[in-house]
């Protein structure tokens, strides 16, 4: 069915459109027509096809072919997620977040499809919405393993790490390394990246290692040691040793009284053994 373009409501929180893509679509539609109708709710709220809608508006059209998606809100979300995954340039984390949400919706609807099982027909939603993970990966131009990596980033990165990865434009291979770290370590690495102290994950780990050494040294000064290993310059009674002679022949020696008078470090236990 056709609807008036001005009657179609577009949510303010939808992803910003790509003007270049709109112009390219307009040229294509002018030549071959609108091949795929846009999708709206029964209330005429746009679910999928904003670039197509704007392209037709650019061409001066007043009406556009529309598929009205009937069903609950979950199906509407599913259609919009598929549109965003395939049509928009998203960072790996955003792709992973959408894919995870997609899996959750399919699970709730009892429509989760696995590769090799085909698409359920009896309970499939209208408009060909249901797609497998492999379908999505192929349409987005990425391999299935890449999609799984994106989901790992979305699932395992703590919020602070996600923000740092996006802001510092951390390469995906390094982002995956962060995702495998414990949450507290992720936060520490993220702080180094976000503050500009580190330019890479390797730099962040080096800085944290240095800080850890410093903290260990500081901690060690509070420890009381009970055993002292030392080689004081005592005279051995100044006895002659075969082949070497007396100690005084080799280095200055100290008497027992002098040795006992040496200062004792505060780090030694009161009953420490020499």
Protein backbone atom coordinates (compact mmCIF):
# COMPACT_ATOMS: atom_id res chain seq x y z
CA UNK A 1 0.00 0.00 0.00
CA UNK A 2 1.06 3.60 -0.54
CA UNK A 3 1.21 6.20 2.21
CA UNK A 4 1.78 9.93 2.06
CA UNK A 5 5.40 10.67 2.90
CA UNK A 6 4.46 13.56 5.18
CA UNK A 7 2.20 11.25 7.20
CA UNK A 8 5.08 8.94 8.15
CA UNK A 9 6.58 9.68 11.57
CA UNK A 10 10.34 9.30 12.07
CA UNK A 11 11.64 8.95 15.64
CA UNK A 12 14.13 11.58 16.80
CA UNK A 13 16.46 8.98 18.31
CA UNK A 14 17.07 7.11 15.06
CA UNK A 15 20.62 6.95 13.75
CA UNK A 16 21.61 10.00 11.69
CA UNK A 17 21.14 9.49 7.96
CA UNK A 18 23.98 9.57 5.45
CA UNK A 19 23.25 12.36 2.97
CA UNK A 20 25.59 10.84 0.37
CA UNK A 21 23.72 7.54 0.58
CA UNK A 22 20.40 9.38 0.22
CA UNK A 23 21.55 11.05 -3.01
CA UNK A 24 22.87 7.76 -4.41
CA UNK A 25 19.58 6.03 -3.60
CA UNK A 26 17.63 8.86 -5.20
CA UNK A 27 19.55 8.41 -8.45
CA UNK A 28 18.94 4.65 -8.36
CA UNK A 29 15.22 5.01 -7.56
CA UNK A 30 14.79 7.54 -10.36
CA UNK A 31 16.21 5.00 -12.82
CA UNK A 32 14.69 1.70 -11.67
CA UNK A 33 12.02 2.69 -9.15
CA UNK A 34 11.67 1.76 -5.48
CA UNK A 35 12.47 -1.96 -5.37
CA UNK A 36 11.96 -2.46 -1.62
CA UNK A 37 9.12 -0.72 0.23
CA UNK A 38 9.80 0.92 3.58
CA UNK A 39 8.39 -0.64 6.77
CA UNK A 40 6.11 1.17 9.23
CA UNK A 41 3.88 0.36 12.20
CA UNK A 42 0.07 0.47 11.95
CA UNK A 43 0.42 3.96 13.47
CA UNK A 44 2.60 4.99 10.49
CA UNK A 45 5.81 5.14 12.53
CA UNK A 46 8.90 4.31 10.50
CA UNK A 47 10.65 1.07 11.43
CA UNK A 48 13.03 0.52 8.52
CA UNK A 49 13.93 2.43 5.36
CA UNK A 50 14.72 5.98 6.43
CA UNK A 51 17.30 6.45 3.66
CA UNK A 52 14.75 5.26 1.07
CA UNK A 53 12.13 7.58 2.55
CA UNK A 54 14.43 10.61 2.34
CA UNK A 55 15.55 9.66 -1.17
CA UNK A 56 11.94 9.64 -2.36
CA UNK A 57 11.32 12.93 -0.56
CA UNK A 58 14.36 14.35 -2.37
CA UNK A 59 12.86 13.26 -5.69
CA UNK A 60 9.71 15.19 -4.90
CA UNK A 61 7.50 12.16 -4.33
CA UNK A 62 4.43 12.72 -2.16
CA UNK A 63 3.64 9.02 -1.61
CA UNK A 64 5.78 5.93 -1.07
CA UNK A 65 5.14 2.20 -1.21
CA UNK A 66 4.94 0.90 2.34
CA UNK A 67 4.82 -2.41 4.15
CA UNK A 68 2.83 -2.16 7.38
CA UNK A 69 4.33 -4.50 9.93
CA UNK A 70 1.60 -5.90 12.13
CA UNK A 71 2.59 -7.51 15.38
CA UNK A 72 3.99 -6.61 18.76
CA UNK A 73 6.78 -4.19 19.54
CA UNK A 74 9.42 -6.92 19.54
CA UNK A 75 8.92 -7.59 15.85
CA UNK A 76 9.19 -3.89 15.14
CA UNK A 77 12.47 -3.73 17.03
CA UNK A 78 13.72 -6.78 15.16
CA UNK A 79 13.06 -5.20 11.78
CA UNK A 80 14.79 -1.97 12.82
CA UNK A 81 17.83 -3.86 14.14
CA UNK A 82 18.20 -5.76 10.87
CA UNK A 83 17.98 -2.48 8.96
CA UNK A 84 20.73 -0.91 11.08
CA UNK A 85 22.99 -3.95 10.93
CA UNK A 86 22.88 -4.17 7.15
CA UNK A 87 22.53 -0.55 6.04
CA UNK A 88 24.60 1.55 8.45
CA UNK A 89 28.32 1.95 9.06
CA UNK A 90 28.65 0.90 12.69
CA UNK A 91 31.64 0.31 14.91
CA UNK A 92 32.24 -3.33 15.97
CA UNK A 93 30.87 -2.79 19.48
CA UNK A 94 27.60 -1.30 18.17
CA UNK A 95 27.21 -4.19 15.73
CA UNK A 96 27.73 -6.62 18.60
CA UNK A 97 25.21 -4.85 20.83
CA UNK A 98 22.55 -4.95 18.10
CA UNK A 99 23.28 -8.61 17.33
CA UNK A 100 22.95 -9.56 20.99
CA UNK A 101 19.66 -7.68 21.30
CA UNK A 102 18.50 -9.40 18.12
CA UNK A 103 19.22 -12.83 19.62
CA UNK A 104 17.31 -11.88 22.76
CA UNK A 105 14.24 -10.83 20.77
CA UNK A 106 14.25 -14.00 18.68
CA UNK A 107 14.60 -16.06 21.86
CA UNK A 108 11.61 -14.32 23.43
CA UNK A 109 9.55 -14.84 20.29
CA UNK A 110 10.59 -18.48 19.99
CA UNK A 111 11.96 -17.76 16.52
CA UNK A 112 15.67 -18.33 17.11
CA UNK A 113 17.05 -19.91 13.93
CA UNK A 114 20.39 -21.65 13.66
CA UNK A 115 22.60 -22.10 10.64
CA UNK A 116 21.67 -25.25 8.74
CA UNK A 117 18.13 -25.43 10.13
CA UNK A 118 16.63 -23.07 7.58
CA UNK A 119 13.96 -20.54 8.44
CA UNK A 120 10.89 -21.54 10.43
CA UNK A 121 7.80 -21.14 8.30
CA UNK A 122 4.91 -21.69 10.66
CA UNK A 123 5.83 -18.96 13.15
CA UNK A 124 7.88 -16.69 10.90
CA UNK A 125 6.91 -13.02 11.16
CA UNK A 126 5.61 -11.16 8.11
CA UNK A 127 7.84 -9.30 5.72
CA UNK A 128 10.69 -11.78 5.80
CA UNK A 129 12.06 -10.34 9.04
CA UNK A 130 13.57 -13.56 10.42
CA UNK A 131 17.18 -14.17 9.39
CA UNK A 132 19.92 -16.38 10.77
CA UNK A 133 23.18 -15.03 12.14
CA UNK A 134 24.79 -16.18 8.92
CA UNK A 135 22.24 -14.16 6.90
CA UNK A 136 23.06 -11.01 8.83
CA UNK A 137 26.81 -11.52 8.52
CA UNK A 138 26.54 -12.04 4.76
CA UNK A 139 24.30 -9.02 4.19
CA UNK A 140 26.58 -6.82 6.31
CA UNK A 141 29.54 -7.96 4.25
CA UNK A 142 31.37 -9.66 7.12
CA UNK A 143 32.14 -13.22 8.07
CA UNK A 144 30.19 -15.03 10.74
CA UNK A 145 33.30 -15.28 12.95
CA UNK A 146 33.73 -11.50 12.73
CA UNK A 147 30.15 -11.03 13.90
CA UNK A 148 30.83 -13.34 16.84
CA UNK A 149 33.91 -11.27 17.75
CA UNK A 150 31.78 -8.13 17.69
CA UNK A 151 29.32 -9.78 20.04
CA UNK A 152 32.21 -10.70 22.33
CA UNK A 153 33.26 -7.05 22.51
CA UNK A 154 29.72 -5.94 23.30
CA UNK A 155 29.24 -8.67 25.90
CA UNK A 156 32.60 -8.70 27.71
CA UNK A 157 33.86 -5.10 27.67
CA UNK A 158 32.89 -3.07 30.73
CA UNK A 159 31.25 0.33 29.99
CA UNK A 160 34.45 2.27 30.76
CA UNK A 161 36.42 0.10 28.34
CA UNK A 162 33.78 0.45 25.61
CA UNK A 163 33.95 4.22 25.85
CA UNK A 164 37.76 4.23 25.78
CA UNK A 165 37.90 1.86 22.81
CA UNK A 166 35.56 4.11 20.84
CA UNK A 167 37.14 7.42 21.88
CA UNK A 168 40.75 6.33 21.39
CA UNK A 169 39.85 4.35 18.24
CA UNK A 170 41.56 1.26 19.60
CA UNK A 171 42.18 -1.37 16.88
CA UNK A 172 39.79 -4.30 17.08
CA UNK A 173 42.53 -6.86 17.81
CA UNK A 174 43.58 -4.80 20.85
CA UNK A 175 39.96 -4.32 21.91
CA UNK A 176 39.56 -8.11 21.93
CA UNK A 177 42.61 -8.35 24.22
CA UNK A 178 40.98 -5.91 26.63
CA UNK A 179 37.73 -7.90 26.50
CA UNK A 180 39.59 -10.98 27.79
CA UNK A 181 40.89 -9.10 30.86
CA UNK A 182 39.29 -9.05 34.28
CA UNK A 183 36.86 -6.12 34.77
CA UNK A 184 39.17 -4.16 37.09
CA UNK A 185 42.09 -4.55 34.69
CA UNK A 186 39.85 -3.38 31.84
CA UNK A 187 38.98 -0.23 33.80
CA UNK A 188 42.65 0.46 34.54
CA UNK A 189 43.66 0.07 30.88
CA UNK A 190 40.68 2.16 29.78
CA UNK A 191 41.69 4.98 32.15
CA UNK A 192 45.19 5.09 30.66
CA UNK A 193 43.80 5.22 27.12
CA UNK A 194 41.07 7.76 27.85
CA UNK A 195 43.45 10.11 29.68
CA UNK A 196 45.97 10.03 26.85
CA UNK A 197 48.71 8.61 29.08
CA UNK A 198 48.84 5.56 26.81
CA UNK A 199 48.51 5.41 23.03
CA UNK A 200 47.94 1.67 22.85
CA UNK A 201 47.02 -1.32 24.99
CA UNK A 202 50.71 -2.28 25.15
CA UNK A 203 51.60 1.18 26.48
CA UNK A 204 48.82 0.97 29.06
CA UNK A 205 50.03 -2.42 30.29
CA UNK A 206 53.59 -1.12 30.60
CA UNK A 207 52.49 1.87 32.65
CA UNK A 208 50.39 -0.32 34.92
CA UNK A 209 53.31 -2.73 35.38
CA UNK A 210 55.60 0.14 36.45
CA UNK A 211 53.00 1.42 38.87
CA UNK A 212 52.61 -2.07 40.30
CA UNK A 213 56.37 -2.34 40.90
CA UNK A 214 56.36 1.03 42.68
CA UNK A 215 53.45 -0.04 44.87
CA UNK A 216 55.25 -3.30 45.70
CA UNK A 217 58.40 -1.43 46.73
CA UNK A 218 56.37 0.92 48.90
CA UNK A 219 54.60 -2.00 50.52
CA UNK A 220 57.91 -3.77 51.24
CA UNK A 221 59.09 -0.93 53.53
CA UNK A 222 56.28 -1.75 55.94
CA UNK A 223 57.34 -5.38 56.33
CA UNK A 224 59.37 -6.57 59.35
CA UNK A 225 62.02 -9.12 58.36
CA UNK A 226 62.97 -11.88 60.83
CA UNK A 227 66.08 -13.21 59.08
CA UNK A 228 69.08 -11.14 57.97
CA UNK A 229 71.64 -12.51 55.55
CA UNK A 230 74.95 -10.60 55.68
CA UNK A 231 78.69 -11.00 55.06
CA UNK A 232 80.29 -8.55 57.51
CA UNK A 233 84.04 -7.78 57.28
CA UNK A 234 84.93 -9.51 60.51
CA UNK A 235 88.43 -10.80 61.14
CA UNK A 236 87.75 -14.50 61.68
CA UNK A 237 90.03 -14.10 64.69
CA UNK A 238 92.59 -13.03 62.08
CA UNK A 239 93.46 -16.66 61.51
CA UNK A 240 95.59 -17.64 58.59
CA UNK A 241 93.81 -19.49 55.80
CA UNK A 242 95.85 -21.79 53.58
CA UNK A 243 96.60 -20.03 50.32
CA UNK A 244 95.01 -16.73 51.34
CA UNK A 245 96.55 -15.59 54.59
CA UNK A 246 94.72 -13.60 57.27
CA UNK A 247 91.62 -11.54 56.43
CA UNK A 248 93.41 -8.30 57.27
CA UNK A 249 95.80 -9.03 54.44
CA UNK A 250 92.94 -8.61 51.94
CA UNK A 251 90.50 -5.96 53.29
CA UNK A 252 89.87 -3.79 56.34
CA UNK A 253 88.17 -5.76 59.09
CA UNK A 254 85.88 -4.80 61.97
CA UNK A 255 85.96 -6.00 65.54
CA UNK A 256 83.01 -7.74 67.18
CA UNK A 257 82.21 -4.59 69.16
CA UNK A 258 82.24 -2.50 65.97
CA UNK A 259 79.93 -4.94 64.22
CA UNK A 260 77.52 -4.93 67.16
CA UNK A 261 77.51 -1.15 67.10
CA UNK A 262 76.25 -0.93 63.51
CA UNK A 263 72.75 0.61 63.11
CA UNK A 264 69.86 -1.83 62.75
CA UNK A 265 67.34 -0.99 59.97
CA UNK A 266 63.78 -0.31 61.11
CA UNK A 267 62.57 -3.01 58.75
CA UNK A 268 64.08 -5.74 60.98
CA UNK A 269 62.01 -7.57 63.55
CA UNK A 270 63.13 -7.10 67.17
CA UNK A 271 64.11 -10.77 67.39
CA UNK A 272 65.60 -11.08 63.91
CA UNK A 273 68.35 -13.67 63.42
CA UNK A 274 71.63 -12.78 61.69
